[in-house]
């Protein structure tokens, strides 16, 4: 059974940093690409960062150079280091397997609010 528990969100000022963590169970990282998604109010959920089975990261253009995705295979953890945060990054952040079309269920997510 797949379980995902996101944490680390909060309220931060523009330019600040946060590190999100995702504890997983029931997922083998060597068989699944993992990603961080986000959903802002009134918008569709989007994939912002992913890490392939082999460990290669990928990002959407708007977060390149600011966000870093990583994983700890032994601990079954996925992380998202977010630097130089902008108000447009405000959203609920979720981790899950990639692609989204194959996702069966979601965790509760963690709220990130960037505001002065």
C-alpha atoms as a PDB file:
ATOM      1  CA  UNK A   1       0.000   0.000   0.000  1.00  0.00           C
ATOM      2  CA  UNK A   2       1.369   3.366  -1.040  1.00  0.00           C
ATOM      3  CA  UNK A   3       1.609   6.033   1.634  1.00  0.00           C
ATOM      4  CA  UNK A   4       2.952   9.549   1.254  1.00  0.00           C
ATOM      5  CA  UNK A   5       3.370  12.078   4.055  1.00  0.00           C
ATOM      6  CA  UNK A   6       4.538  15.562   3.143  1.00  0.00           C
ATOM      7  CA  UNK A   7       5.908  18.041   5.662  1.00  0.00           C
ATOM      8  CA  UNK A   8       8.004  21.165   5.963  1.00  0.00           C
ATOM      9  CA  UNK A   9       5.694  23.807   4.575  1.00  0.00           C
ATOM     10  CA  UNK A  10       4.944  27.103   6.229  1.00  0.00           C
ATOM     11  CA  UNK A  11       4.747  30.852   5.897  1.00  0.00           C
ATOM     12  CA  UNK A  12       7.862  32.535   4.537  1.00  0.00           C
ATOM     13  CA  UNK A  13       8.709  35.982   3.217  1.00  0.00           C
ATOM     14  CA  UNK A  14       9.667  36.503  -0.415  1.00  0.00           C
ATOM     15  CA  UNK A  15      13.282  35.527  -0.891  1.00  0.00           C
ATOM     16  CA  UNK A  16      13.128  33.008   1.922  1.00  0.00           C
ATOM     17  CA  UNK A  17      13.747  29.267   1.893  1.00  0.00           C
ATOM     18  CA  UNK A  18      11.950  26.106   2.890  1.00  0.00           C
ATOM     19  CA  UNK A  19      12.810  22.424   2.659  1.00  0.00           C
ATOM     20  CA  UNK A  20       9.966  20.017   2.082  1.00  0.00           C
ATOM     21  CA  UNK A  21      10.173  16.361   3.025  1.00  0.00           C
ATOM     22  CA  UNK A  22       8.132  13.411   1.847  1.00  0.00           C
ATOM     23  CA  UNK A  23       8.106  10.128   3.723  1.00  0.00           C
ATOM     24  CA  UNK A  24       7.060   7.271   1.504  1.00  0.00           C
ATOM     25  CA  UNK A  25       6.155   3.632   1.831  1.00  0.00           C
ATOM     26  CA  UNK A  26       5.165   1.115  -0.775  1.00  0.00           C
ATOM     27  CA  UNK A  27       7.186   2.813  -3.528  1.00  0.00           C
ATOM     28  CA  UNK A  28      10.476   1.614  -4.958  1.00  0.00           C
ATOM     29  CA  UNK A  29      12.504   4.598  -6.142  1.00  0.00           C
ATOM     30  CA  UNK A  30      14.541   2.419  -8.460  1.00  0.00           C
ATOM     31  CA  UNK A  31      11.345   1.556 -10.334  1.00  0.00           C
ATOM     32  CA  UNK A  32       9.507   4.883 -10.127  1.00  0.00           C
ATOM     33  CA  UNK A  33      10.335   8.433 -10.950  1.00  0.00           C
ATOM     34  CA  UNK A  34       9.257  10.724  -8.130  1.00  0.00           C
ATOM     35  CA  UNK A  35       8.127  14.290  -8.229  1.00  0.00           C
ATOM     36  CA  UNK A  36       6.874  17.282  -6.341  1.00  0.00           C
ATOM     37  CA  UNK A  37       3.601  18.715  -7.527  1.00  0.00           C
ATOM     38  CA  UNK A  38       1.825  21.853  -6.414  1.00  0.00           C
ATOM     39  CA  UNK A  39      -1.682  23.200  -6.626  1.00  0.00           C
ATOM     40  CA  UNK A  40      -2.466  26.860  -6.159  1.00  0.00           C
ATOM     41  CA  UNK A  41      -6.001  28.089  -5.461  1.00  0.00           C
ATOM     42  CA  UNK A  42      -8.091  27.982  -8.612  1.00  0.00           C
ATOM     43  CA  UNK A  43      -5.374  26.276 -10.610  1.00  0.00           C
ATOM     44  CA  UNK A  44      -4.684  22.750 -11.737  1.00  0.00           C
ATOM     45  CA  UNK A  45      -2.067  20.648 -10.018  1.00  0.00           C
ATOM     46  CA  UNK A  46       1.279  20.869 -11.808  1.00  0.00           C
ATOM     47  CA  UNK A  47       4.518  18.948 -11.618  1.00  0.00           C
ATOM     48  CA  UNK A  48       7.322  21.315 -10.611  1.00  0.00           C
ATOM     49  CA  UNK A  49      10.262  18.975 -10.048  1.00  0.00           C
ATOM     50  CA  UNK A  50      10.998  15.346 -10.718  1.00  0.00           C
ATOM     51  CA  UNK A  51      13.795  12.882 -10.178  1.00  0.00           C
ATOM     52  CA  UNK A  52      14.122   9.959 -12.544  1.00  0.00           C
ATOM     53  CA  UNK A  53      14.736   6.379 -11.518  1.00  0.00           C
ATOM     54  CA  UNK A  54      18.410   6.882 -12.280  1.00  0.00           C
ATOM     55  CA  UNK A  55      18.532  10.084 -10.237  1.00  0.00           C
ATOM     56  CA  UNK A  56      18.431  12.737 -12.948  1.00  0.00           C
ATOM     57  CA  UNK A  57      16.447  15.788 -11.823  1.00  0.00           C
ATOM     58  CA  UNK A  58      14.190  17.960 -13.948  1.00  0.00           C
ATOM     59  CA  UNK A  59      12.348  21.195 -13.241  1.00  0.00           C
ATOM     60  CA  UNK A  60       9.827  23.499 -14.776  1.00  0.00           C
ATOM     61  CA  UNK A  61      11.364  26.721 -16.011  1.00  0.00           C
ATOM     62  CA  UNK A  62       9.887  28.917 -13.304  1.00  0.00           C
ATOM     63  CA  UNK A  63      11.723  27.069 -10.505  1.00  0.00           C
ATOM     64  CA  UNK A  64      15.002  26.230 -12.237  1.00  0.00           C
ATOM     65  CA  UNK A  65      17.924  27.533 -10.242  1.00  0.00           C
ATOM     66  CA  UNK A  66      15.770  28.000  -7.133  1.00  0.00           C
ATOM     67  CA  UNK A  67      14.435  24.507  -6.309  1.00  0.00           C
ATOM     68  CA  UNK A  68      16.415  21.313  -5.838  1.00  0.00           C
ATOM     69  CA  UNK A  69      14.848  17.870  -5.672  1.00  0.00           C
ATOM     70  CA  UNK A  70      16.664  15.001  -3.999  1.00  0.00           C
ATOM     71  CA  UNK A  71      15.970  11.602  -2.568  1.00  0.00           C
ATOM     72  CA  UNK A  72      17.307   9.184   0.022  1.00  0.00           C
ATOM     73  CA  UNK A  73      16.628   5.693  -1.265  1.00  0.00           C
ATOM     74  CA  UNK A  74      17.521   3.964   2.000  1.00  0.00           C
ATOM     75  CA  UNK A  75      15.217   6.225   4.024  1.00  0.00           C
ATOM     76  CA  UNK A  76      12.529   6.279   1.329  1.00  0.00           C
ATOM     77  CA  UNK A  77      12.454  10.052   1.497  1.00  0.00           C
ATOM     78  CA  UNK A  78      12.069  12.696  -1.174  1.00  0.00           C
ATOM     79  CA  UNK A  79      13.035  16.304  -0.548  1.00  0.00           C
ATOM     80  CA  UNK A  80      12.498  19.667  -2.180  1.00  0.00           C
ATOM     81  CA  UNK A  81      14.826  22.497  -1.221  1.00  0.00           C
ATOM     82  CA  UNK A  82      13.199  25.772  -2.206  1.00  0.00           C
ATOM     83  CA  UNK A  83      15.252  28.962  -2.218  1.00  0.00           C
ATOM     84  CA  UNK A  84      14.473  32.533  -3.220  1.00  0.00           C
ATOM     85  CA  UNK A  85      10.785  31.851  -2.876  1.00  0.00           C
ATOM     86  CA  UNK A  86       8.309  34.056  -4.689  1.00  0.00           C
ATOM     87  CA  UNK A  87       4.626  34.775  -3.962  1.00  0.00           C
ATOM     88  CA  UNK A  88       3.798  32.775  -7.106  1.00  0.00           C
ATOM     89  CA  UNK A  89       5.176  29.675  -5.355  1.00  0.00           C
ATOM     90  CA  UNK A  90       2.290  29.761  -2.883  1.00  0.00           C
ATOM     91  CA  UNK A  91       0.447  26.456  -3.144  1.00  0.00           C
ATOM     92  CA  UNK A  92      -0.138  23.100  -1.527  1.00  0.00           C
ATOM     93  CA  UNK A  93       2.802  20.865  -2.359  1.00  0.00           C
ATOM     94  CA  UNK A  94       2.482  17.126  -2.857  1.00  0.00           C
ATOM     95  CA  UNK A  95       4.953  14.399  -3.664  1.00  0.00           C
ATOM     96  CA  UNK A  96       4.075  11.363  -5.717  1.00  0.00           C
ATOM     97  CA  UNK A  97       5.193   9.151  -8.537  1.00  0.00           C
ATOM     98  CA  UNK A  98       5.599  10.486 -12.051  1.00  0.00           C
ATOM     99  CA  UNK A  99       3.725  10.684 -14.392  1.00  0.00           C
ATOM    100  CA  UNK A 100       0.627  12.128 -12.757  1.00  0.00           C
ATOM    101  CA  UNK A 101      -1.639  10.080 -15.034  1.00  0.00           C
ATOM    102  CA  UNK A 102      -0.628   6.946 -13.143  1.00  0.00           C
ATOM    103  CA  UNK A 103      -1.159   8.366  -9.656  1.00  0.00           C
ATOM    104  CA  UNK A 104      -3.913   6.555  -7.769  1.00  0.00           C
ATOM    105  CA  UNK A 105      -3.994   8.522  -4.533  1.00  0.00           C
ATOM    106  CA  UNK A 106      -2.534  11.623  -2.930  1.00  0.00           C
ATOM    107  CA  UNK A 107      -1.208  12.502   0.478  1.00  0.00           C
ATOM    108  CA  UNK A 108      -2.474  15.479   2.439  1.00  0.00           C
ATOM    109  CA  UNK A 109       0.157  17.815   1.040  1.00  0.00           C
ATOM    110  CA  UNK A 110       1.930  20.643   2.815  1.00  0.00           C
ATOM    111  CA  UNK A 111       0.975  24.296   2.510  1.00  0.00           C
ATOM    112  CA  UNK A 112       3.593  26.777   1.368  1.00  0.00           C
ATOM    113  CA  UNK A 113       2.689  30.441   1.655  1.00  0.00           C
ATOM    114  CA  UNK A 114       5.054  33.136   0.429  1.00  0.00           C
ATOM    115  CA  UNK A 115       3.981  36.546   1.623  1.00  0.00           C
ATOM    116  CA  UNK A 116       5.353  39.651   3.242  1.00  0.00           C
END
